[in-house]
Structures are given as C-alpha cells and as structure tokens.
Amino acid sequence: MTTEPPAPSPDASDPEARGMRLRAVLLVLTAVSGLIDAVSFLSLGQVFTANMTGNVVILGFAAAGAPGFSVAHTVTSLMAFLAGATAGGRIAARFRGGSRRTWTRVALAMEAVLVGSAAVVAFARPGTTGTAYTIIALSAFAIGLRNATVRKLSVPDLTTTVLTMTLTGLVAESPLGSNTERRARRRICAVLSLTAGGALGAWLVLHQSLGIPLLLAALTSGVLAVMASGRE
C-alpha cells in the first residue's frame, strides 16, 4: 500500500503568500508615519510630510499670516508628496498584473532609501535651512510614493497616513451606530499605531535628535521591504 505525498501548503506553493501579511505591514507603516510627522512638525517648522490633509489646512494658516507656519515649507512638502505619488503611480503601472509582493517590496525599499537619506542629512548638517528643506522634500516624496502604492493595494481602513474615515467607520458602524462593524480591531490598531509612532517620534525629537527617528523609520521600512508578502 502506497500513500501519496501531502499536498504543499498554500504558503509553500504561492510566492505571494510568503512573508508578513500586508495588514501587518501597513499597521507598522502607520507607526512610521507618526515618526516622520513628529520630526517634520516638531523640528521643521510645523509642517507635515505624511499627513497632507493637515498640510492643506496649515497652508491656509500660513497664507493668512498665522505665526509659526511657513508657506514655503508647506508648499515644498505638498509638491514633493505629489511628485512621490506620481512616481508611485508609475511603479504601480510597471507592475500592473505582476507580483504584488515584488511591487510592494520595491516601493518600500525606495522609501527606506529616501528616508535614510533624510536621516544622513539630519546627522551631517543639523540646524540649517537647507537641511530642513531637504528633509521635508525627501520624506514627503517617500510618503507620496508609499501612499500611491497603498492606494493601489486597497486594503480597507489601512491608508497608513490619515485616520478620518477609519475613525468614522469605527463609530458609525459600532453598536451605537448601524451595528454593522466588521473591522473594529483593524481600525483600533491603526489608531493605536499612529499614536504610538507619533509619541515615540516626539520623544526622540525632544530628548535625542531629529536624525534618530528618521533613521528608525528608514530601518523599519527597509525591514518591511524584505519581509512583506502579497497577501492581505
């Protein structure tokens, strides 16, 4: 009597399934966004390089002459983000119909290089005007590229940078609302991830230097570039 060999598991037969699930990757990237925005807002003139919704409002504040805000810094961030999103769209088109895993890893590797370059600049020439603009441009470009990728991945409630609709869904679909909640845990984790990243980034900026959270963000993106799978 002979027995057939066991069928391979899905993970063994499907390269897309190897590595960290996209949901986990995107939650960690949400924390990275908090790190990066802590650096930009607390050290680079009250500008966001991850949260563009906030930047649009800040641009209005700066244009009205509110103290502490810079039109130049905010426009630099917005333009760099849009350029990064354009590059992310090109990458998405290049990998359309191909490996989701490879596409995600390429985008995250590019983010790691860009944010790592910002960290190098922060350590090499701290406190200069040119350094501020360089860090803003590099980090905003990196997040724009990432956002274009995340948008195409279309994992619900995990945009990695903004939480307005995530929070809306959390309460609107809760038992107090329509009672149709299906992703409460994911939404709560997204909120906690951004909060934790922001808190850690703020602590590092206030007690260490702005280069350290940038380096941590770059290393995290680099690790995720190696580990990400194509599965949700």
Protein backbone atom coordinates (compact mmCIF):
# COMPACT_ATOMS: atom_id res chain seq x y z
CA MET A 1 0.00 0.00 0.00
CA THR A 2 1.39 3.37 -1.02
CA THR A 3 0.47 6.78 0.23
CA GLU A 4 0.53 9.96 -1.76
CA PRO A 5 2.79 12.74 -0.53
CA PRO A 6 0.95 15.50 1.31
CA ALA A 7 -0.15 18.42 -0.80
CA PRO A 8 2.01 21.51 -0.37
CA SER A 9 0.64 24.19 1.89
CA PRO A 10 -0.55 27.44 0.28
CA ASP A 11 2.46 29.25 1.72
CA ALA A 12 4.87 26.79 0.10
CA SER A 13 3.22 26.84 -3.32
CA ASP A 14 2.36 30.53 -3.59
CA PRO A 15 5.27 33.02 -3.51
CA GLU A 16 2.81 35.84 -2.89
CA ALA A 17 1.93 34.32 0.49
CA ARG A 18 5.49 34.20 1.80
CA GLY A 19 6.33 36.83 4.38
CA MET A 20 4.46 39.26 6.59
CA ARG A 21 0.82 39.86 5.68
CA LEU A 22 0.06 43.24 4.16
CA ARG A 23 -2.26 44.16 7.02
CA ALA A 24 0.60 43.84 9.50
CA VAL A 25 2.97 45.69 7.15
CA LEU A 26 0.55 48.59 6.76
CA LEU A 27 -0.01 48.84 10.51
CA VAL A 28 3.74 49.15 11.08
CA LEU A 29 3.95 51.73 8.28
CA THR A 30 1.22 53.70 10.04
CA ALA A 31 3.52 53.94 13.07
CA VAL A 32 6.34 55.03 10.73
CA SER A 33 4.10 57.87 9.52
CA GLY A 34 3.76 59.00 13.12
CA LEU A 35 7.55 59.02 13.49
CA ILE A 36 8.03 61.07 10.34
CA ASP A 37 5.31 63.59 11.13
CA ALA A 38 6.71 64.07 14.63
CA VAL A 39 10.04 65.05 13.06
CA SER A 40 8.55 67.40 10.49
CA PHE A 41 6.00 69.12 12.73
CA LEU A 42 8.17 69.50 15.83
CA SER A 43 11.51 70.25 14.18
CA LEU A 44 10.92 71.58 10.66
CA GLY A 45 8.54 74.47 11.16
CA GLN A 46 5.13 72.97 11.94
CA VAL A 47 4.68 71.19 8.62
CA PHE A 48 3.54 67.62 7.95
CA THR A 49 5.32 65.38 5.47
CA ALA A 50 2.98 62.40 5.85
CA ASN A 51 -0.44 63.92 6.56
CA MET A 52 -1.31 66.05 3.55
CA THR A 53 -4.82 66.84 4.81
CA GLY A 54 -3.22 68.66 7.71
CA ASN A 55 -0.79 70.35 5.32
CA VAL A 56 -3.59 71.84 3.22
CA VAL A 57 -5.08 73.40 6.35
CA ILE A 58 -1.65 74.57 7.51
CA LEU A 59 -1.10 76.20 4.13
CA GLY A 60 -4.23 78.25 4.75
CA PHE A 61 -2.95 79.22 8.22
CA ALA A 62 0.42 80.23 6.79
CA ALA A 63 -1.15 82.19 3.94
CA ALA A 64 -3.22 84.13 6.48
CA GLY A 65 -0.08 85.06 8.38
CA ALA A 66 -0.60 82.86 11.45
CA PRO A 67 2.67 82.81 13.44
CA GLY A 68 4.85 79.71 13.38
CA PHE A 69 3.73 78.42 9.97
CA SER A 70 5.64 78.65 6.68
CA VAL A 71 4.13 78.81 3.22
CA ALA A 72 7.48 77.78 1.70
CA HIS A 73 7.86 74.71 3.92
CA THR A 74 4.27 73.61 3.37
CA VAL A 75 4.40 74.07 -0.41
CA THR A 76 7.70 72.15 -0.52
CA SER A 77 6.08 69.26 1.34
CA LEU A 78 2.98 69.25 -0.86
CA MET A 79 4.93 69.41 -4.12
CA ALA A 80 7.37 66.69 -3.05
CA PHE A 81 4.48 64.47 -1.92
CA LEU A 82 2.73 64.90 -5.28
CA ALA A 83 5.96 64.09 -7.12
CA GLY A 84 6.35 60.96 -4.99
CA ALA A 85 2.76 59.93 -5.64
CA THR A 86 3.41 60.33 -9.37
CA ALA A 87 6.45 58.07 -9.08
CA GLY A 88 4.37 55.59 -7.09
CA GLY A 89 1.78 55.59 -9.84
CA ARG A 90 4.49 54.82 -12.40
CA ILE A 91 5.69 51.91 -10.28
CA ALA A 92 2.13 50.62 -9.99
CA ALA A 93 1.76 50.79 -13.77
CA ARG A 94 5.07 48.98 -14.23
CA PHE A 95 3.97 46.09 -12.01
CA ARG A 96 0.31 46.02 -13.08
CA GLY A 97 -0.78 42.39 -13.33
CA GLY A 98 2.53 41.18 -11.87
CA SER A 99 3.65 40.17 -8.43
CA ARG A 100 2.01 42.19 -5.68
CA ARG A 101 4.77 41.12 -3.35
CA THR A 102 7.56 42.38 -5.62
CA TRP A 103 5.75 45.65 -6.28
CA THR A 104 5.26 46.31 -2.55
CA ARG A 105 8.86 45.47 -1.75
CA VAL A 106 10.22 47.78 -4.43
CA ALA A 107 8.14 50.70 -3.14
CA LEU A 108 9.17 50.07 0.48
CA ALA A 109 12.83 49.75 -0.46
CA MET A 110 12.65 53.13 -2.20
CA GLU A 111 11.00 54.63 0.87
CA ALA A 112 13.78 53.24 3.06
CA VAL A 113 16.46 54.79 0.82
CA LEU A 114 14.74 58.19 0.71
CA VAL A 115 14.07 58.43 4.44
CA GLY A 116 17.52 57.04 5.17
CA SER A 117 18.99 59.81 3.03
CA ALA A 118 16.99 62.33 5.06
CA ALA A 119 18.47 60.84 8.23
CA VAL A 120 22.00 61.18 6.85
CA VAL A 121 21.38 64.84 6.05
CA ALA A 122 19.94 65.39 9.53
CA PHE A 123 23.05 63.94 11.17
CA ALA A 124 25.55 65.59 8.81
CA ARG A 125 24.20 69.17 8.74
CA PRO A 126 21.80 69.72 11.65
CA GLY A 127 20.01 73.00 12.14
CA THR A 128 20.46 74.61 8.72
CA THR A 129 17.75 75.96 6.41
CA GLY A 130 18.94 73.75 3.59
CA THR A 131 18.73 70.69 5.83
CA ALA A 132 15.13 71.47 6.73
CA TYR A 133 14.05 71.77 3.10
CA THR A 134 15.97 68.63 2.12
CA ILE A 135 14.40 66.53 4.88
CA ILE A 136 10.94 67.86 4.07
CA ALA A 137 11.35 67.08 0.37
CA LEU A 138 12.85 63.61 0.82
CA SER A 139 10.39 62.41 3.46
CA ALA A 140 7.33 63.86 1.70
CA PHE A 141 8.41 62.29 -1.61
CA ALA A 142 8.84 58.93 0.16
CA ILE A 143 5.38 59.07 1.72
CA GLY A 144 3.79 60.16 -1.55
CA LEU A 145 5.34 57.15 -3.27
CA ARG A 146 4.12 54.90 -0.47
CA ASN A 147 0.60 56.35 -0.50
CA ALA A 148 0.25 55.69 -4.22
CA THR A 149 1.26 52.08 -3.58
CA VAL A 150 -1.07 51.66 -0.60
CA ARG A 151 -3.95 53.14 -2.59
CA LYS A 152 -3.49 50.54 -5.30
CA LEU A 153 -3.21 47.74 -2.74
CA SER A 154 -6.69 48.77 -1.49
CA VAL A 155 -6.52 47.19 1.96
CA PRO A 156 -9.59 48.63 3.75
CA ASP A 157 -9.05 51.09 6.63
CA LEU A 158 -5.24 50.99 6.35
CA THR A 159 -4.14 54.10 4.47
CA THR A 160 -1.06 54.45 6.79
CA THR A 161 -1.30 58.27 6.97
CA VAL A 162 -4.83 59.50 7.73
CA LEU A 163 -7.49 58.18 10.07
CA THR A 164 -10.56 60.34 9.47
CA MET A 165 -12.56 57.68 7.63
CA THR A 166 -11.14 54.94 9.84
CA LEU A 167 -12.47 56.68 12.94
CA THR A 168 -15.75 57.43 11.18
CA GLY A 169 -16.24 53.77 10.30
CA LEU A 170 -15.28 52.67 13.80
CA VAL A 171 -18.09 54.61 15.45
CA ALA A 172 -20.64 54.82 12.62
CA GLU A 173 -20.71 51.03 12.30
CA SER A 174 -20.45 50.31 16.03
CA PRO A 175 -23.40 49.06 18.13
CA LEU A 176 -24.13 52.72 18.86
CA GLY A 177 -24.40 53.38 15.12
CA SER A 178 -25.54 50.99 12.40
CA ASN A 179 -24.28 47.91 14.28
CA THR A 180 -22.59 46.56 11.15
CA GLU A 181 -18.99 46.70 12.41
CA ARG A 182 -16.71 44.07 10.85
CA ARG A 183 -13.23 45.58 11.12
CA ALA A 184 -13.16 47.18 14.57
CA ARG A 185 -9.91 45.50 15.61
CA ARG A 186 -8.09 46.64 12.47
CA ARG A 187 -9.35 50.20 12.86
CA ILE A 188 -8.39 50.38 16.53
CA CYS A 189 -4.93 49.01 15.72
CA ALA A 190 -4.47 51.69 13.05
CA VAL A 191 -5.32 54.45 15.53
CA LEU A 192 -3.00 52.99 18.16
CA SER A 193 -0.19 52.55 15.63
CA LEU A 194 -0.26 56.18 14.51
CA THR A 195 -0.48 57.38 18.11
CA ALA A 196 2.42 55.18 19.20
CA GLY A 197 4.57 56.28 16.26
CA GLY A 198 3.84 59.93 16.96
CA ALA A 199 4.60 59.54 20.67
CA LEU A 200 7.88 57.72 20.04
CA GLY A 201 8.90 60.21 17.35
CA ALA A 202 8.12 63.17 19.60
CA TRP A 203 10.12 61.69 22.48
CA LEU A 204 13.11 61.05 20.24
CA VAL A 205 12.98 64.56 18.76
CA LEU A 206 12.64 66.21 22.16
CA HIS A 207 15.22 64.12 24.02
CA GLN A 208 17.61 62.88 21.31
CA SER A 209 17.81 64.36 17.80
CA LEU A 210 15.66 64.52 14.69
CA GLY A 211 18.03 62.17 12.85
CA ILE A 212 17.29 59.22 15.14
CA PRO A 213 13.54 58.86 14.40
CA LEU A 214 14.28 59.28 10.69
CA LEU A 215 16.89 56.53 10.87
CA LEU A 216 14.47 54.31 12.78
CA ALA A 217 11.77 54.97 10.17
CA ALA A 218 14.18 54.10 7.34
CA LEU A 219 15.34 50.89 9.01
CA THR A 220 11.75 49.83 9.66
CA SER A 221 10.75 50.42 6.04
CA GLY A 222 13.83 48.51 4.92
CA VAL A 223 12.97 45.51 7.09
CA LEU A 224 9.39 45.55 5.78
CA ALA A 225 10.71 45.67 2.22
CA VAL A 226 12.41 42.35 2.87
CA MET A 227 9.54 40.77 4.79
CA ALA A 228 6.35 41.92 3.03
CA SER A 229 4.19 39.37 1.27
CA GLY A 230 1.49 39.96 -1.31
CA ARG A 231 -1.35 38.61 0.78
CA GLU A 232 -3.74 40.54 2.97
